[in-house]
């Protein structure tokens, strides 16, 4: 954030900081609160559970209720394992893929984000060729021994298919997001690319994992896989399925999920998974309440939030062109990201690595006008945003862009 903002309370689409300033929010727990802050159904579910207890460790019957909602919603999910975060979900899914296939290496795409565990924090070397990205650890503290276990694939390039085929005997799984958080878009070109990635994985005997921690139940009730016509072997989930309480999940084909129980592989012990708070009662109550609302009212909620996000992006991009400002808002469903550069962006490697001076300027002006954009410049809208709220956001963004121009930073 350009200046410290400490949040004290939230209601609907707004939050209030400790100094009493109110903002229209676009963060919502990094996208977890798709219905908005303090949605009555979720709040009631949490209060009801607090009257019964909130942490037992022993299995809770609501675990099956949440799992069934997930299985019924996602085309490729047969079984579900619950954990505590999106980071845990990809960690466990990678472990399951390695156990099931007996192979060690994994592949991810340049520009992807799959959590904060060591294996997920291997990124592409920006100095390496686009068609053959090299691997680098993301920050200090990542063991160098892990780097060789992660193959980086070029996103939106056919060279990715050749790399998967060439390393098929080593690769346990390919991880990909239906829409990269670094480059949010959902279009025919990207859909065709992801469908081809799936097809190449199938023919190569490599598991296909769709990371839906961000897109699950946001790109639609059936997630990115339902929207794009994908049938992954494994799916990772988080955020929305917990109603704003910490959560993660791995879902997938039954025969693969059996490795969590040591089934189907004689002589093999299965994989370890555990966590004191996995499947805790507060998460289950909030998650069931949120998914139930989306199941019952998704035919109204999803068109509304996508239409409002489209209005916001169209207005921002129109004003950027009018002001001859090198900035654009990318959008995937109800998620968006502002990037300060002109020209087509097809993958994260098309994004300039340096921060434009206007970045801080714009977000300070937006805060002054009562609009909060997360520090990572990636926001979402919620069902609580009305058309009037979005009109206020459009006006604030227009004025802020114009002020950036007059400040001389654009």
Protein backbone atom coordinates (compact mmCIF):
# COMPACT_ATOMS: atom_id res chain seq x y z
CA UNK A 1 0.00 0.00 0.00
CA UNK A 2 1.28 3.53 -0.72
CA UNK A 3 0.45 4.57 2.84
CA UNK A 4 -0.42 2.40 5.88
CA UNK A 5 -4.12 1.51 6.09
CA UNK A 6 -5.30 -0.49 9.11
CA UNK A 7 -8.84 -1.80 8.75
CA UNK A 8 -11.18 -1.79 11.73
CA UNK A 9 -14.53 -2.89 10.26
CA UNK A 10 -16.34 -3.84 7.09
CA UNK A 11 -19.93 -3.87 5.89
CA UNK A 12 -21.21 -4.73 2.42
CA UNK A 13 -18.70 -3.36 -0.11
CA UNK A 14 -17.10 -0.86 2.30
CA UNK A 15 -14.41 -0.95 4.97
CA UNK A 16 -13.48 1.55 7.68
CA UNK A 17 -9.94 2.15 8.91
CA UNK A 18 -8.83 2.96 12.46
CA UNK A 19 -8.82 6.69 11.62
CA UNK A 20 -12.49 6.58 10.66
CA UNK A 21 -11.99 6.79 6.88
CA UNK A 22 -14.41 4.74 4.80
CA UNK A 23 -13.47 3.13 1.49
CA UNK A 24 -15.17 1.14 -1.22
CA UNK A 25 -13.24 -2.10 -0.98
CA UNK A 26 -11.80 -4.19 -3.81
CA UNK A 27 -9.80 -6.58 -1.65
CA UNK A 28 -12.33 -8.68 0.31
CA UNK A 29 -9.78 -10.96 1.92
CA UNK A 30 -7.93 -11.34 -1.41
CA UNK A 31 -11.17 -12.38 -3.07
CA UNK A 32 -12.58 -14.69 -0.39
CA UNK A 33 -15.68 -12.60 0.38
CA UNK A 34 -17.52 -12.74 -2.93
CA UNK A 35 -20.79 -11.79 -1.19
CA UNK A 36 -19.24 -8.79 0.57
CA UNK A 37 -18.35 -8.05 4.19
CA UNK A 38 -20.60 -9.40 6.95
CA UNK A 39 -23.09 -11.08 4.64
CA UNK A 40 -26.10 -11.95 6.84
CA UNK A 41 -26.14 -15.67 5.93
CA UNK A 42 -22.46 -16.14 6.74
CA UNK A 43 -22.63 -14.07 9.90
CA UNK A 44 -25.64 -16.05 11.12
CA UNK A 45 -23.89 -19.35 10.39
CA UNK A 46 -20.81 -18.23 12.33
CA UNK A 47 -22.85 -17.06 15.31
CA UNK A 48 -24.78 -20.33 15.37
CA UNK A 49 -21.56 -22.35 15.34
CA UNK A 50 -19.97 -20.21 18.06
CA UNK A 51 -22.83 -21.31 20.31
CA UNK A 52 -21.80 -24.93 19.77
CA UNK A 53 -17.99 -24.64 19.80
CA UNK A 54 -15.40 -23.75 17.20
CA UNK A 55 -12.50 -26.21 17.31
CA UNK A 56 -12.72 -29.92 18.02
CA UNK A 57 -10.04 -31.69 15.99
CA UNK A 58 -12.30 -34.73 15.62
CA UNK A 59 -14.24 -34.92 12.36
CA UNK A 60 -17.28 -32.71 11.95
CA UNK A 61 -20.31 -33.85 9.94
CA UNK A 62 -20.24 -30.52 8.10
CA UNK A 63 -17.01 -31.63 6.40
CA UNK A 64 -19.06 -33.94 4.21
CA UNK A 65 -21.64 -31.20 3.57
CA UNK A 66 -19.00 -28.78 2.28
CA UNK A 67 -17.28 -31.52 0.27
CA UNK A 68 -20.56 -32.49 -1.39
CA UNK A 69 -21.21 -28.89 -2.42
CA UNK A 70 -17.76 -28.82 -4.04
CA UNK A 71 -18.20 -32.18 -5.78
CA UNK A 72 -21.63 -31.24 -7.11
CA UNK A 73 -20.34 -27.90 -8.43
CA UNK A 74 -17.06 -28.88 -10.12
CA UNK A 75 -17.21 -31.15 -13.19
CA UNK A 76 -13.98 -33.00 -12.41
CA UNK A 77 -14.20 -33.41 -8.62
CA UNK A 78 -15.03 -36.81 -7.11
CA UNK A 79 -13.36 -36.58 -3.72
CA UNK A 80 -12.22 -33.69 -1.49
CA UNK A 81 -9.50 -33.25 1.14
CA UNK A 82 -9.78 -30.16 3.33
CA UNK A 83 -6.86 -28.12 4.62
CA UNK A 84 -6.19 -24.60 5.85
CA UNK A 85 -5.06 -22.44 2.93
CA UNK A 86 -4.48 -22.24 -0.79
CA UNK A 87 -0.78 -22.70 -0.12
CA UNK A 88 -1.47 -25.97 1.69
CA UNK A 89 -3.78 -27.13 -1.09
CA UNK A 90 -1.11 -26.88 -3.81
CA UNK A 91 1.50 -28.40 -1.49
CA UNK A 92 -0.70 -31.44 -0.83
CA UNK A 93 -1.80 -31.73 -4.46
CA UNK A 94 1.80 -31.81 -5.66
CA UNK A 95 2.59 -34.45 -3.04
CA UNK A 96 -0.40 -36.51 -4.18
CA UNK A 97 0.61 -36.23 -7.83
CA UNK A 98 4.13 -37.40 -7.07
CA UNK A 99 2.85 -40.32 -5.02
CA UNK A 100 0.32 -41.38 -7.66
CA UNK A 101 2.67 -41.15 -10.65
CA UNK A 102 5.93 -42.11 -8.99
CA UNK A 103 7.58 -39.16 -10.76
CA UNK A 104 9.36 -36.23 -9.11
CA UNK A 105 9.33 -33.09 -11.26
CA UNK A 106 6.45 -30.67 -11.67
CA UNK A 107 5.81 -27.96 -14.24
CA UNK A 108 4.35 -24.48 -13.77
CA UNK A 109 3.94 -21.54 -16.15
CA UNK A 110 5.85 -18.29 -16.14
CA UNK A 111 3.85 -15.62 -14.34
CA UNK A 112 1.94 -18.15 -12.23
CA UNK A 113 1.34 -18.04 -8.49
CA UNK A 114 0.67 -21.29 -6.64
CA UNK A 115 1.22 -20.41 -3.00
CA UNK A 116 4.00 -19.70 -0.51
CA UNK A 117 5.61 -23.12 0.07
CA UNK A 118 9.11 -23.73 -1.26
CA UNK A 119 8.20 -25.73 -4.37
CA UNK A 120 5.68 -23.09 -5.45
CA UNK A 121 8.20 -20.28 -5.09
CA UNK A 122 10.23 -21.15 -8.18
CA UNK A 123 9.82 -18.49 -10.86
CA UNK A 124 11.11 -17.84 -14.35
CA UNK A 125 14.42 -16.13 -15.02
CA UNK A 126 13.51 -12.95 -16.96
CA UNK A 127 16.84 -13.14 -18.80
CA UNK A 128 16.04 -16.61 -20.18
CA UNK A 129 14.43 -17.25 -23.60
CA UNK A 130 10.66 -16.90 -23.75
CA UNK A 131 10.25 -20.30 -25.34
CA UNK A 132 12.48 -22.05 -22.78
CA UNK A 133 12.26 -20.22 -19.43
CA UNK A 134 14.90 -21.04 -16.83
CA UNK A 135 14.04 -21.56 -13.15
CA UNK A 136 15.01 -19.29 -10.26
CA UNK A 137 14.02 -19.26 -6.57
CA UNK A 138 11.65 -16.47 -5.60
CA UNK A 139 13.52 -14.68 -2.85
CA UNK A 140 15.95 -15.94 -0.20
CA UNK A 141 15.57 -19.08 1.87
CA UNK A 142 14.42 -21.37 -0.94
CA UNK A 143 16.68 -24.46 -1.14
CA UNK A 144 18.59 -24.51 -4.42
CA UNK A 145 18.02 -28.27 -4.57
CA UNK A 146 14.34 -27.60 -5.34
CA UNK A 147 15.00 -25.48 -8.43
CA UNK A 148 15.71 -28.46 -10.65
CA UNK A 149 12.45 -30.12 -9.61
CA UNK A 150 10.37 -27.36 -11.21
CA UNK A 151 10.14 -26.96 -14.97
CA UNK A 152 8.96 -23.52 -16.10
CA UNK A 153 6.69 -23.48 -19.15
CA UNK A 154 6.00 -20.45 -21.37
CA UNK A 155 2.40 -19.30 -20.98
CA UNK A 156 0.32 -18.84 -24.14
CA UNK A 157 3.07 -20.28 -26.33
CA UNK A 158 3.07 -23.55 -28.25
CA UNK A 159 6.60 -24.27 -27.03
CA UNK A 160 4.96 -25.34 -23.76
CA UNK A 161 3.49 -28.39 -25.46
CA UNK A 162 6.88 -29.51 -26.75
CA UNK A 163 8.43 -29.11 -23.29
CA UNK A 164 5.72 -31.23 -21.66
CA UNK A 165 6.20 -33.97 -24.23
CA UNK A 166 9.99 -33.82 -23.92
CA UNK A 167 9.87 -34.20 -20.12
CA UNK A 168 6.89 -36.58 -19.90
CA UNK A 169 8.91 -39.33 -18.20
CA UNK A 170 9.98 -36.97 -15.40
CA UNK A 171 6.84 -34.86 -14.89
CA UNK A 172 4.28 -35.85 -12.29
CA UNK A 173 1.95 -32.91 -12.88
CA UNK A 174 1.47 -29.62 -14.71
CA UNK A 175 -0.09 -26.82 -12.65
CA UNK A 176 -1.95 -23.96 -14.33
CA UNK A 177 -4.46 -21.28 -13.34
CA UNK A 178 -7.62 -20.86 -15.45
CA UNK A 179 -6.76 -17.15 -15.40
CA UNK A 180 -3.39 -16.00 -14.14
CA UNK A 181 -3.65 -13.47 -11.32
CA UNK A 182 -0.70 -11.66 -12.91
CA UNK A 183 -2.56 -11.46 -16.24
CA UNK A 184 -6.31 -11.77 -15.61
CA UNK A 185 -8.11 -12.61 -18.83
CA UNK A 186 -10.62 -15.13 -20.10
CA UNK A 187 -10.92 -15.25 -23.87
CA UNK A 188 -11.12 -17.74 -26.71
CA UNK A 189 -7.35 -17.75 -27.31
CA UNK A 190 -6.52 -18.53 -23.70
CA UNK A 191 -9.30 -21.13 -23.45
CA UNK A 192 -7.96 -22.94 -26.51
CA UNK A 193 -4.45 -22.85 -25.04
CA UNK A 194 -5.55 -24.36 -21.72
CA UNK A 195 -7.58 -27.05 -23.46
CA UNK A 196 -4.49 -27.96 -25.47
CA UNK A 197 -2.36 -28.09 -22.31
CA UNK A 198 -4.87 -30.56 -20.90
CA UNK A 199 -4.81 -32.64 -24.07
CA UNK A 200 -0.99 -32.77 -24.17
CA UNK A 201 -0.88 -33.80 -20.50
CA UNK A 202 -3.36 -36.61 -21.21
CA UNK A 203 -1.37 -37.96 -24.16
CA UNK A 204 1.89 -37.65 -22.22
CA UNK A 205 0.76 -39.44 -19.06
CA UNK A 206 1.22 -36.30 -16.96
CA UNK A 207 -1.42 -35.21 -14.47
CA UNK A 208 -3.22 -31.94 -15.21
CA UNK A 209 -3.83 -29.75 -12.14
CA UNK A 210 -6.04 -26.69 -12.28
CA UNK A 211 -5.24 -24.22 -9.52
CA UNK A 212 -8.62 -22.66 -8.71
CA UNK A 213 -7.71 -21.09 -5.39
CA UNK A 214 -8.56 -17.70 -6.90
CA UNK A 215 -10.96 -18.64 -9.71
CA UNK A 216 -12.93 -21.36 -7.93
CA UNK A 217 -16.55 -20.20 -7.49
CA UNK A 218 -15.53 -16.76 -8.83
CA UNK A 219 -15.44 -17.34 -12.59
CA UNK A 220 -18.80 -19.04 -12.08
CA UNK A 221 -20.32 -21.56 -9.70
CA UNK A 222 -18.45 -24.35 -11.51
CA UNK A 223 -15.23 -22.34 -11.45
CA UNK A 224 -12.81 -21.92 -14.29
CA UNK A 225 -13.08 -25.57 -15.27
CA UNK A 226 -16.81 -25.33 -15.88
CA UNK A 227 -16.50 -22.06 -17.74
CA UNK A 228 -13.62 -23.17 -19.97
CA UNK A 229 -14.68 -26.77 -20.52
CA UNK A 230 -11.75 -28.34 -18.64
CA UNK A 231 -11.64 -31.62 -16.70
CA UNK A 232 -8.51 -31.57 -14.53
CA UNK A 233 -7.17 -34.61 -12.71
CA UNK A 234 -6.71 -32.45 -9.60
CA UNK A 235 -8.14 -29.10 -8.51
CA UNK A 236 -6.88 -26.88 -5.73
CA UNK A 237 -9.28 -24.53 -3.95
CA UNK A 238 -9.30 -21.89 -1.23
CA UNK A 239 -10.69 -18.41 -0.52
CA UNK A 240 -14.38 -18.51 -1.48
CA UNK A 241 -15.07 -22.05 -0.23
CA UNK A 242 -14.31 -20.86 3.32
CA UNK A 243 -16.59 -17.83 3.40
CA UNK A 244 -13.70 -15.64 4.58
CA UNK A 245 -12.38 -18.08 7.19
CA UNK A 246 -9.03 -19.85 6.50
CA UNK A 247 -9.48 -22.78 4.12
CA UNK A 248 -7.94 -24.87 1.38
CA UNK A 249 -8.96 -28.01 -0.43
CA UNK A 250 -7.72 -30.57 -2.93
CA UNK A 251 -10.36 -32.15 -5.15
CA UNK A 252 -9.88 -34.70 -7.87
CA UNK A 253 -10.47 -38.09 -9.40
CA UNK A 254 -11.12 -40.77 -6.82
CA UNK A 255 -8.24 -43.02 -7.82
CA UNK A 256 -5.76 -40.16 -7.37
CA UNK A 257 -7.30 -38.96 -4.13
CA UNK A 258 -6.93 -42.49 -2.75
CA UNK A 259 -3.25 -41.75 -2.13
CA UNK A 260 -4.31 -39.63 0.86
CA UNK A 261 -5.61 -42.86 2.44
CA UNK A 262 -2.95 -45.22 1.14
CA UNK A 263 -5.52 -47.03 -1.02
CA UNK A 264 -5.09 -48.59 -4.45
CA UNK A 265 -1.30 -48.95 -4.21
CA UNK A 266 -0.34 -52.21 -2.43
CA UNK A 267 2.75 -51.88 -0.29
CA UNK A 268 2.64 -48.07 -0.35
CA UNK A 269 1.76 -46.17 2.85
CA UNK A 270 -0.03 -43.24 1.20
CA UNK A 271 0.90 -39.61 1.77
CA UNK A 272 0.92 -37.62 4.96
CA UNK A 273 -1.56 -34.80 5.41
CA UNK A 274 -2.65 -33.13 8.58
CA UNK A 275 -3.38 -29.89 10.38
CA UNK A 276 -4.93 -28.98 13.70
CA UNK A 277 -7.42 -26.64 12.07
CA UNK A 278 -8.13 -28.52 8.83
CA UNK A 279 -11.90 -28.81 8.42
CA UNK A 280 -12.59 -26.75 11.53
CA UNK A 281 -16.19 -25.95 12.35
CA UNK A 282 -16.09 -22.19 11.80
CA UNK A 283 -14.64 -22.60 8.32
CA UNK A 284 -17.21 -25.25 7.48
CA UNK A 285 -20.15 -23.15 8.70
CA UNK A 286 -19.01 -20.05 6.80
CA UNK A 287 -18.09 -21.99 3.66
CA UNK A 288 -21.37 -23.88 3.48
CA UNK A 289 -23.30 -20.65 3.98
CA UNK A 290 -21.42 -18.86 1.19
CA UNK A 291 -21.55 -21.71 -1.33
CA UNK A 292 -25.25 -22.24 -0.58
CA UNK A 293 -25.95 -18.59 -1.36
CA UNK A 294 -24.00 -18.87 -4.61
CA UNK A 295 -25.78 -22.09 -5.56
CA UNK A 296 -29.21 -20.57 -4.92
CA UNK A 297 -28.62 -17.10 -6.34
CA UNK A 298 -25.67 -17.51 -8.68
CA UNK A 299 -27.83 -16.86 -11.75
CA UNK A 300 -28.19 -13.28 -10.46
CA UNK A 301 -24.89 -12.80 -8.60
CA UNK A 302 -22.43 -13.82 -11.31
CA UNK A 303 -23.90 -11.74 -14.16
CA UNK A 304 -24.13 -8.75 -11.82
CA UNK A 305 -20.53 -8.75 -10.61
CA UNK A 306 -19.16 -9.46 -14.09
CA UNK A 307 -21.23 -6.67 -15.65
CA UNK A 308 -20.06 -4.20 -13.00
CA UNK A 309 -16.42 -5.23 -13.41
CA UNK A 310 -16.75 -4.86 -17.18
CA UNK A 311 -18.18 -1.35 -16.71
CA UNK A 312 -15.27 -0.45 -14.43
CA UNK A 313 -12.62 -1.79 -16.82
CA UNK A 314 -14.23 -0.25 -19.91
CA UNK A 315 -14.43 3.15 -18.24
CA UNK A 316 -10.85 3.02 -16.98
CA UNK A 317 -9.49 1.97 -20.36
CA UNK A 318 -11.59 4.57 -22.20
CA UNK A 319 -10.28 7.33 -19.94
CA UNK A 320 -6.70 6.12 -20.29
CA UNK A 321 -7.03 6.39 -24.08
CA UNK A 322 -8.71 9.80 -23.81
CA UNK A 323 -5.88 11.11 -21.64
CA UNK A 324 -3.22 9.32 -23.71
CA UNK A 325 -2.09 7.54 -20.56
CA UNK A 326 -0.04 4.29 -20.83
CA UNK A 327 -2.26 2.28 -18.52
CA UNK A 328 -4.88 -0.45 -18.83
CA UNK A 329 -7.18 -2.50 -16.67
CA UNK A 330 -7.16 -6.24 -17.42
CA UNK A 331 -10.17 -8.28 -16.37
CA UNK A 332 -11.22 -11.89 -15.87
CA UNK A 333 -14.80 -12.21 -14.72
CA UNK A 334 -15.00 -10.09 -11.56
CA UNK A 335 -11.23 -9.87 -11.01
CA UNK A 336 -9.10 -7.04 -12.37
CA UNK A 337 -5.58 -5.65 -12.42
CA UNK A 338 -4.28 -2.21 -13.44
CA UNK A 339 -0.99 -2.20 -15.35
CA UNK A 340 0.85 0.98 -16.26
CA UNK A 341 1.91 0.26 -19.80
CA UNK A 342 0.36 0.36 -23.24
CA UNK A 343 0.18 -2.42 -25.82
CA UNK A 344 -1.18 -5.95 -25.83
CA UNK A 345 -0.39 -8.16 -22.83
CA UNK A 346 -0.68 -11.89 -23.54
CA UNK A 347 1.39 -13.20 -20.65
CA UNK A 348 3.22 -11.99 -17.56
CA UNK A 349 6.42 -11.71 -19.59
CA UNK A 350 4.83 -8.91 -21.59
CA UNK A 351 4.59 -6.83 -18.39
CA UNK A 352 7.45 -4.41 -17.81
CA UNK A 353 9.42 -5.41 -14.69
CA UNK A 354 9.81 -1.82 -13.43
CA UNK A 355 7.14 0.04 -11.47
CA UNK A 356 5.76 3.12 -13.18
CA UNK A 357 5.99 6.31 -11.06
CA UNK A 358 2.24 6.78 -11.44
CA UNK A 359 1.49 3.57 -9.50
CA UNK A 360 1.87 5.13 -6.06
CA UNK A 361 0.40 8.44 -7.20
CA UNK A 362 -2.77 6.84 -8.56
CA UNK A 363 -3.48 4.75 -5.48
CA UNK A 364 -2.91 7.64 -3.08
CA UNK A 365 -5.43 9.71 -5.05
CA UNK A 366 -7.88 6.78 -5.04
CA UNK A 367 -7.56 6.43 -1.26
CA UNK A 368 -8.25 10.17 -0.94
CA UNK A 369 -11.41 9.60 -2.98
CA UNK A 370 -12.54 6.63 -0.89
CA UNK A 371 -11.52 3.68 -3.09
CA UNK A 372 -9.16 1.02 -1.74
CA UNK A 373 -7.10 -1.02 -4.21
CA UNK A 374 -4.89 -3.80 -2.71
CA UNK A 375 -1.15 -3.28 -2.56
CA UNK A 376 -0.64 -5.94 -5.24
CA UNK A 377 -2.85 -3.85 -7.61
CA UNK A 378 -5.21 -6.80 -8.14
CA UNK A 379 -8.78 -6.30 -7.08
CA UNK A 380 -12.19 -7.94 -7.20
CA UNK A 381 -15.78 -6.83 -7.02
CA UNK A 382 -18.40 -8.46 -4.84
CA UNK A 383 -22.13 -9.03 -4.96
CA UNK A 384 -22.43 -6.13 -2.51
CA UNK A 385 -21.24 -3.58 -5.09
CA UNK A 386 -24.22 -1.78 -6.57
CA UNK A 387 -24.25 0.05 -9.88
CA UNK A 388 -24.11 3.31 -7.90
CA UNK A 389 -21.01 2.10 -6.04
CA UNK A 390 -19.30 1.35 -9.33
CA UNK A 391 -20.29 4.80 -10.63
CA UNK A 392 -18.46 6.28 -7.62
CA UNK A 393 -15.42 4.11 -8.38
CA UNK A 394 -15.42 5.14 -12.04
CA UNK A 395 -15.58 8.83 -11.08
CA UNK A 396 -12.76 8.36 -8.55
CA UNK A 397 -10.56 6.56 -11.07
CA UNK A 398 -11.25 9.17 -13.74
CA UNK A 399 -10.38 12.03 -11.42
CA UNK A 400 -7.31 10.20 -10.13
CA UNK A 401 -5.99 9.57 -13.63
CA UNK A 402 -6.55 13.21 -14.52
CA UNK A 403 -4.72 14.27 -11.35
CA UNK A 404 -1.80 11.98 -12.21
CA UNK A 405 -1.57 13.73 -15.56
CA UNK A 406 -1.62 17.16 -13.94
CA UNK A 407 0.98 15.96 -11.39
CA UNK A 408 3.25 15.22 -14.34
CA UNK A 409 3.73 11.50 -13.55
CA UNK A 410 1.76 10.40 -16.61
